Amino acid sequence: MGVLTSVVSVIFSIVCVLLIIIILLQADKGAGMGILGGAGQSTFGSSTADIITKITTFFVALFLIGSMGLSALESKRVASLKEKIFSTNNEPSELIENEPQPAEDKK
């Protein structure tokens, strides 16, 4: 489970960085200037805003799915830890070391 969480976390981080870049590439509605400048619209054609909007929507959907997936994985991990810690078995727990109890003096 730990390997899966690590892989999903790395993929989620990459999606986050790509989402930030895609958002910064979008042209400002008011001034018509983005990182690409005013010539960016004519360089990529007139449908650039539509393509970037669709890509942004795709990455936002990946972000939301990744967020929910990571939270589900973490909640399963926390639930299994709680189960191990608060088990009612008489077996010694692997997470909590049991110290020997001192013998009571009988007089």
N, C-alpha and C. Protein backbone atom coordinates (compact mmCIF):
# COMPACT_ATOMS: atom_id res chain seq x y z
N MET A 1 0.82 -1.19 0.00
CA MET A 1 0.00 0.00 0.00
C MET A 1 0.87 1.25 0.00
N GLY A 2 2.03 1.18 0.65
CA GLY A 2 2.92 2.33 0.72
C GLY A 2 3.50 2.71 -0.62
N VAL A 3 3.79 1.70 -1.45
CA VAL A 3 4.36 1.96 -2.78
C VAL A 3 3.30 2.63 -3.65
N LEU A 4 2.07 2.16 -3.57
CA LEU A 4 0.99 2.74 -4.36
C LEU A 4 0.76 4.20 -3.97
N THR A 5 0.78 4.49 -2.69
CA THR A 5 0.61 5.86 -2.22
C THR A 5 1.75 6.74 -2.71
N SER A 6 2.97 6.23 -2.70
CA SER A 6 4.12 7.00 -3.18
C SER A 6 4.02 7.30 -4.66
N VAL A 7 3.64 6.31 -5.45
CA VAL A 7 3.53 6.50 -6.90
C VAL A 7 2.42 7.50 -7.21
N VAL A 8 1.29 7.36 -6.55
CA VAL A 8 0.18 8.29 -6.79
C VAL A 8 0.55 9.70 -6.34
N SER A 9 1.31 9.83 -5.27
CA SER A 9 1.75 11.15 -4.80
C SER A 9 2.67 11.82 -5.81
N VAL A 10 3.57 11.05 -6.41
CA VAL A 10 4.48 11.62 -7.42
C VAL A 10 3.70 12.05 -8.65
N ILE A 11 2.78 11.21 -9.11
CA ILE A 11 1.95 11.56 -10.27
C ILE A 11 1.10 12.79 -9.95
N PHE A 12 0.56 12.85 -8.74
CA PHE A 12 -0.25 14.00 -8.33
C PHE A 12 0.58 15.28 -8.31
N SER A 13 1.82 15.20 -7.86
CA SER A 13 2.70 16.37 -7.85
C SER A 13 2.97 16.87 -9.27
N ILE A 14 3.20 15.93 -10.19
CA ILE A 14 3.43 16.31 -11.59
C ILE A 14 2.20 16.98 -12.18
N VAL A 15 1.02 16.43 -11.88
CA VAL A 15 -0.23 17.03 -12.36
C VAL A 15 -0.39 18.44 -11.80
N CYS A 16 -0.04 18.64 -10.54
CA CYS A 16 -0.14 19.97 -9.93
C CYS A 16 0.75 20.98 -10.63
N VAL A 17 1.98 20.58 -10.90
CA VAL A 17 2.92 21.49 -11.58
C VAL A 17 2.41 21.81 -13.00
N LEU A 18 1.96 20.79 -13.72
CA LEU A 18 1.43 21.02 -15.06
C LEU A 18 0.19 21.90 -15.05
N LEU A 19 -0.66 21.73 -14.05
CA LEU A 19 -1.85 22.56 -13.93
C LEU A 19 -1.47 24.03 -13.70
N ILE A 20 -0.48 24.25 -12.87
CA ILE A 20 -0.01 25.62 -12.63
C ILE A 20 0.52 26.24 -13.91
N ILE A 21 1.32 25.47 -14.66
CA ILE A 21 1.88 25.98 -15.91
C ILE A 21 0.78 26.29 -16.92
N ILE A 22 -0.18 25.39 -17.07
CA ILE A 22 -1.28 25.61 -18.02
C ILE A 22 -2.10 26.83 -17.63
N ILE A 23 -2.34 27.03 -16.35
CA ILE A 23 -3.11 28.20 -15.91
C ILE A 23 -2.33 29.47 -16.21
N LEU A 24 -1.02 29.45 -16.00
CA LEU A 24 -0.22 30.64 -16.29
C LEU A 24 -0.11 30.93 -17.78
N LEU A 25 -0.28 29.92 -18.61
CA LEU A 25 -0.21 30.13 -20.06
C LEU A 25 -1.48 30.77 -20.62
N GLN A 26 -2.56 30.73 -19.88
CA GLN A 26 -3.80 31.29 -20.40
C GLN A 26 -3.69 32.80 -20.53
N ALA A 27 -4.32 33.29 -21.58
CA ALA A 27 -4.31 34.72 -21.83
C ALA A 27 -5.25 35.43 -20.87
N ASP A 28 -4.87 36.62 -20.45
CA ASP A 28 -5.71 37.42 -19.59
C ASP A 28 -6.88 37.93 -20.43
N LYS A 29 -8.07 37.85 -19.88
CA LYS A 29 -9.26 38.26 -20.64
C LYS A 29 -9.28 39.77 -20.89
N GLY A 30 -8.77 40.53 -19.94
CA GLY A 30 -8.85 41.98 -20.07
C GLY A 30 -7.82 42.56 -21.02
N ALA A 31 -6.56 42.24 -20.83
CA ALA A 31 -5.49 42.85 -21.60
C ALA A 31 -5.11 42.05 -22.83
N GLY A 32 -5.46 40.79 -22.88
CA GLY A 32 -5.10 39.98 -24.03
C GLY A 32 -3.63 39.57 -24.03
N MET A 33 -2.98 39.73 -22.88
CA MET A 33 -1.57 39.38 -22.79
C MET A 33 -1.42 38.24 -21.78
N GLY A 34 -0.69 37.23 -22.15
CA GLY A 34 -0.38 36.15 -21.23
C GLY A 34 1.12 36.01 -21.17
N ILE A 35 1.60 34.88 -20.75
CA ILE A 35 3.04 34.65 -20.77
C ILE A 35 3.54 34.63 -22.21
N LEU A 36 2.72 34.12 -23.11
CA LEU A 36 3.12 34.05 -24.51
C LEU A 36 3.07 35.40 -25.20
N GLY A 37 2.43 36.37 -24.60
CA GLY A 37 2.33 37.69 -25.20
C GLY A 37 1.13 37.79 -26.12
N GLY A 38 0.97 38.94 -26.73
CA GLY A 38 -0.16 39.16 -27.61
C GLY A 38 -0.07 38.37 -28.89
N ALA A 39 1.14 38.02 -29.31
CA ALA A 39 1.31 37.29 -30.57
C ALA A 39 0.99 35.82 -30.41
N GLY A 40 0.79 35.37 -29.20
CA GLY A 40 0.50 33.96 -28.96
C GLY A 40 -0.79 33.50 -29.60
N GLN A 41 -1.76 34.38 -29.67
CA GLN A 41 -3.04 34.01 -30.27
C GLN A 41 -2.89 33.79 -31.77
N SER A 42 -2.12 34.64 -32.43
CA SER A 42 -1.98 34.49 -33.88
C SER A 42 -1.00 33.37 -34.25
N THR A 43 -0.08 33.05 -33.35
CA THR A 43 0.89 31.99 -33.64
C THR A 43 0.23 30.62 -33.67
N PHE A 44 -0.62 30.36 -32.70
CA PHE A 44 -1.25 29.04 -32.59
C PHE A 44 -2.62 28.99 -33.24
N GLY A 45 -3.07 30.06 -33.83
CA GLY A 45 -4.37 30.08 -34.47
C GLY A 45 -5.42 30.70 -33.56
N SER A 46 -6.62 30.80 -34.06
CA SER A 46 -7.67 31.48 -33.31
C SER A 46 -8.31 30.59 -32.25
N SER A 47 -8.10 29.28 -32.33
CA SER A 47 -8.75 28.37 -31.38
C SER A 47 -7.84 28.01 -30.20
N THR A 48 -6.81 28.79 -29.95
CA THR A 48 -5.88 28.51 -28.86
C THR A 48 -6.59 28.55 -27.51
N ALA A 49 -7.46 29.52 -27.32
CA ALA A 49 -8.16 29.64 -26.05
C ALA A 49 -9.01 28.40 -25.79
N ASP A 50 -9.62 27.87 -26.82
CA ASP A 50 -10.43 26.68 -26.66
C ASP A 50 -9.57 25.47 -26.27
N ILE A 51 -8.42 25.32 -26.91
CA ILE A 51 -7.54 24.18 -26.61
C ILE A 51 -7.00 24.29 -25.19
N ILE A 52 -6.54 25.46 -24.81
CA ILE A 52 -5.99 25.64 -23.47
C ILE A 52 -7.08 25.46 -22.42
N THR A 53 -8.28 25.90 -22.72
CA THR A 53 -9.40 25.71 -21.79
C THR A 53 -9.70 24.23 -21.61
N LYS A 54 -9.69 23.47 -22.70
CA LYS A 54 -9.95 22.03 -22.61
C LYS A 54 -8.84 21.31 -21.85
N ILE A 55 -7.59 21.71 -22.09
CA ILE A 55 -6.46 21.10 -21.37
C ILE A 55 -6.54 21.43 -19.88
N THR A 56 -6.92 22.68 -19.57
CA THR A 56 -7.07 23.07 -18.17
C THR A 56 -8.17 22.27 -17.50
N THR A 57 -9.27 22.07 -18.19
CA THR A 57 -10.37 21.28 -17.64
C THR A 57 -9.93 19.85 -17.37
N PHE A 58 -9.16 19.28 -18.30
CA PHE A 58 -8.65 17.92 -18.14
C PHE A 58 -7.74 17.81 -16.91
N PHE A 59 -6.83 18.78 -16.74
CA PHE A 59 -5.91 18.74 -15.60
C PHE A 59 -6.63 19.01 -14.28
N VAL A 60 -7.67 19.84 -14.31
CA VAL A 60 -8.46 20.07 -13.09
C VAL A 60 -9.17 18.78 -12.70
N ALA A 61 -9.71 18.06 -13.69
CA ALA A 61 -10.36 16.78 -13.40
C ALA A 61 -9.36 15.78 -12.83
N LEU A 62 -8.15 15.71 -13.41
CA LEU A 62 -7.10 14.84 -12.86
C LEU A 62 -6.74 15.24 -11.44
N PHE A 63 -6.68 16.54 -11.19
CA PHE A 63 -6.36 17.04 -9.85
C PHE A 63 -7.42 16.59 -8.84
N LEU A 64 -8.69 16.73 -9.20
CA LEU A 64 -9.75 16.34 -8.28
C LEU A 64 -9.77 14.84 -8.04
N ILE A 65 -9.60 14.05 -9.09
CA ILE A 65 -9.56 12.59 -8.95
C ILE A 65 -8.35 12.17 -8.11
N GLY A 66 -7.21 12.81 -8.36
CA GLY A 66 -6.01 12.50 -7.59
C GLY A 66 -6.15 12.87 -6.12
N SER A 67 -6.80 14.01 -5.85
CA SER A 67 -7.03 14.42 -4.46
C SER A 67 -7.90 13.41 -3.72
N MET A 68 -8.98 13.01 -4.38
CA MET A 68 -9.87 12.04 -3.73
C MET A 68 -9.20 10.68 -3.59
N GLY A 69 -8.41 10.28 -4.57
CA GLY A 69 -7.71 9.00 -4.49
C GLY A 69 -6.69 8.97 -3.37
N LEU A 70 -5.91 10.04 -3.25
CA LEU A 70 -4.92 10.10 -2.16
C LEU A 70 -5.60 10.14 -0.79
N SER A 71 -6.71 10.86 -0.68
CA SER A 71 -7.39 10.89 0.61
C SER A 71 -7.97 9.52 0.96
N ALA A 72 -8.45 8.79 -0.04
CA ALA A 72 -8.97 7.44 0.22
C ALA A 72 -7.86 6.50 0.66
N LEU A 73 -6.71 6.59 -0.01
CA LEU A 73 -5.57 5.75 0.36
C LEU A 73 -5.09 6.06 1.78
N GLU A 74 -5.03 7.33 2.12
CA GLU A 74 -4.57 7.72 3.46
C GLU A 74 -5.58 7.32 4.52
N SER A 75 -6.86 7.42 4.21
CA SER A 75 -7.85 7.04 5.22
C SER A 75 -7.81 5.53 5.48
N LYS A 76 -7.53 4.74 4.44
CA LYS A 76 -7.37 3.29 4.65
C LYS A 76 -6.14 3.00 5.50
N ARG A 77 -5.08 3.75 5.26
CA ARG A 77 -3.85 3.55 6.04
C ARG A 77 -4.08 3.90 7.50
N VAL A 78 -4.75 5.01 7.75
CA VAL A 78 -5.02 5.44 9.13
C VAL A 78 -5.95 4.45 9.81
N ALA A 79 -6.94 3.95 9.09
CA ALA A 79 -7.87 2.98 9.68
C ALA A 79 -7.15 1.69 10.05
N SER A 80 -6.22 1.25 9.21
CA SER A 80 -5.50 0.02 9.54
C SER A 80 -4.55 0.25 10.72
N LEU A 81 -3.98 1.44 10.83
CA LEU A 81 -3.14 1.74 11.99
C LEU A 81 -3.96 1.77 13.27
N LYS A 82 -5.15 2.38 13.20
CA LYS A 82 -6.01 2.40 14.38
C LYS A 82 -6.40 0.98 14.78
N GLU A 83 -6.66 0.15 13.79
CA GLU A 83 -7.03 -1.23 14.06
C GLU A 83 -5.90 -1.98 14.74
N LYS A 84 -4.67 -1.75 14.31
CA LYS A 84 -3.53 -2.41 14.93
C LYS A 84 -3.28 -1.90 16.34
N ILE A 85 -3.43 -0.61 16.54
CA ILE A 85 -3.13 -0.03 17.84
C ILE A 85 -4.18 -0.41 18.87
N PHE A 86 -5.45 -0.32 18.49
CA PHE A 86 -6.53 -0.53 19.44
C PHE A 86 -7.12 -1.93 19.37
N SER A 87 -6.32 -2.88 18.95
CA SER A 87 -6.82 -4.25 18.88
C SER A 87 -7.06 -4.76 20.30
N THR A 88 -8.09 -5.59 20.46
CA THR A 88 -8.45 -6.10 21.78
C THR A 88 -7.84 -7.46 22.05
N ASN A 89 -6.95 -7.89 21.21
CA ASN A 89 -6.29 -9.19 21.41
C ASN A 89 -5.36 -9.10 22.61
N ASN A 90 -5.05 -10.25 23.17
CA ASN A 90 -4.08 -10.32 24.26
C ASN A 90 -2.66 -10.45 23.72
N GLU A 91 -2.56 -10.52 22.40
CA GLU A 91 -1.24 -10.61 21.78
C GLU A 91 -0.56 -9.26 21.90
N PRO A 92 0.76 -9.26 22.06
CA PRO A 92 1.46 -7.98 22.11
C PRO A 92 1.41 -7.29 20.75
N SER A 93 1.18 -6.03 20.77
CA SER A 93 1.09 -5.25 19.55
C SER A 93 2.48 -5.04 18.96
N GLU A 94 2.55 -4.99 17.65
CA GLU A 94 3.83 -4.74 16.99
C GLU A 94 4.20 -3.27 17.08
N LEU A 95 3.20 -2.41 17.24
CA LEU A 95 3.46 -0.99 17.26
C LEU A 95 3.81 -0.46 18.65
N ILE A 96 3.27 -1.07 19.66
CA ILE A 96 3.51 -0.63 21.03
C ILE A 96 4.22 -1.75 21.78
N GLU A 97 5.38 -1.43 22.27
CA GLU A 97 6.13 -2.43 23.01
C GLU A 97 5.61 -2.51 24.43
N ASN A 98 5.32 -3.71 24.87
CA ASN A 98 4.83 -3.91 26.23
C ASN A 98 6.01 -4.06 27.18
N GLU A 99 6.01 -3.23 28.21
CA GLU A 99 7.06 -3.32 29.21
C GLU A 99 6.63 -4.32 30.27
N PRO A 100 7.57 -5.07 30.82
CA PRO A 100 7.20 -6.03 31.87
C PRO A 100 6.67 -5.28 33.10
N GLN A 101 5.58 -5.79 33.64
CA GLN A 101 4.98 -5.18 34.82
C GLN A 101 5.70 -5.69 36.07
N PRO A 102 5.99 -4.81 37.02
CA PRO A 102 6.64 -5.27 38.24
C PRO A 102 5.68 -6.14 39.06
N ALA A 103 6.24 -7.16 39.67
CA ALA A 103 5.44 -8.09 40.47
C ALA A 103 5.03 -7.39 41.74
N GLU A 104 3.76 -7.58 42.15
CA GLU A 104 3.28 -6.95 43.36
C GLU A 104 3.76 -7.75 44.58
N ASP A 105 4.15 -7.05 45.61
CA ASP A 105 4.60 -7.71 46.83
C ASP A 105 3.40 -8.20 47.61
N LYS A 106 3.41 -9.47 47.98
CA LYS A 106 2.32 -10.02 48.80
C LYS A 106 2.86 -10.21 50.22
N LYS A 107 2.24 -9.61 51.19
CA LYS A 107 2.69 -9.71 52.58
C LYS A 107 1.76 -10.51 53.41
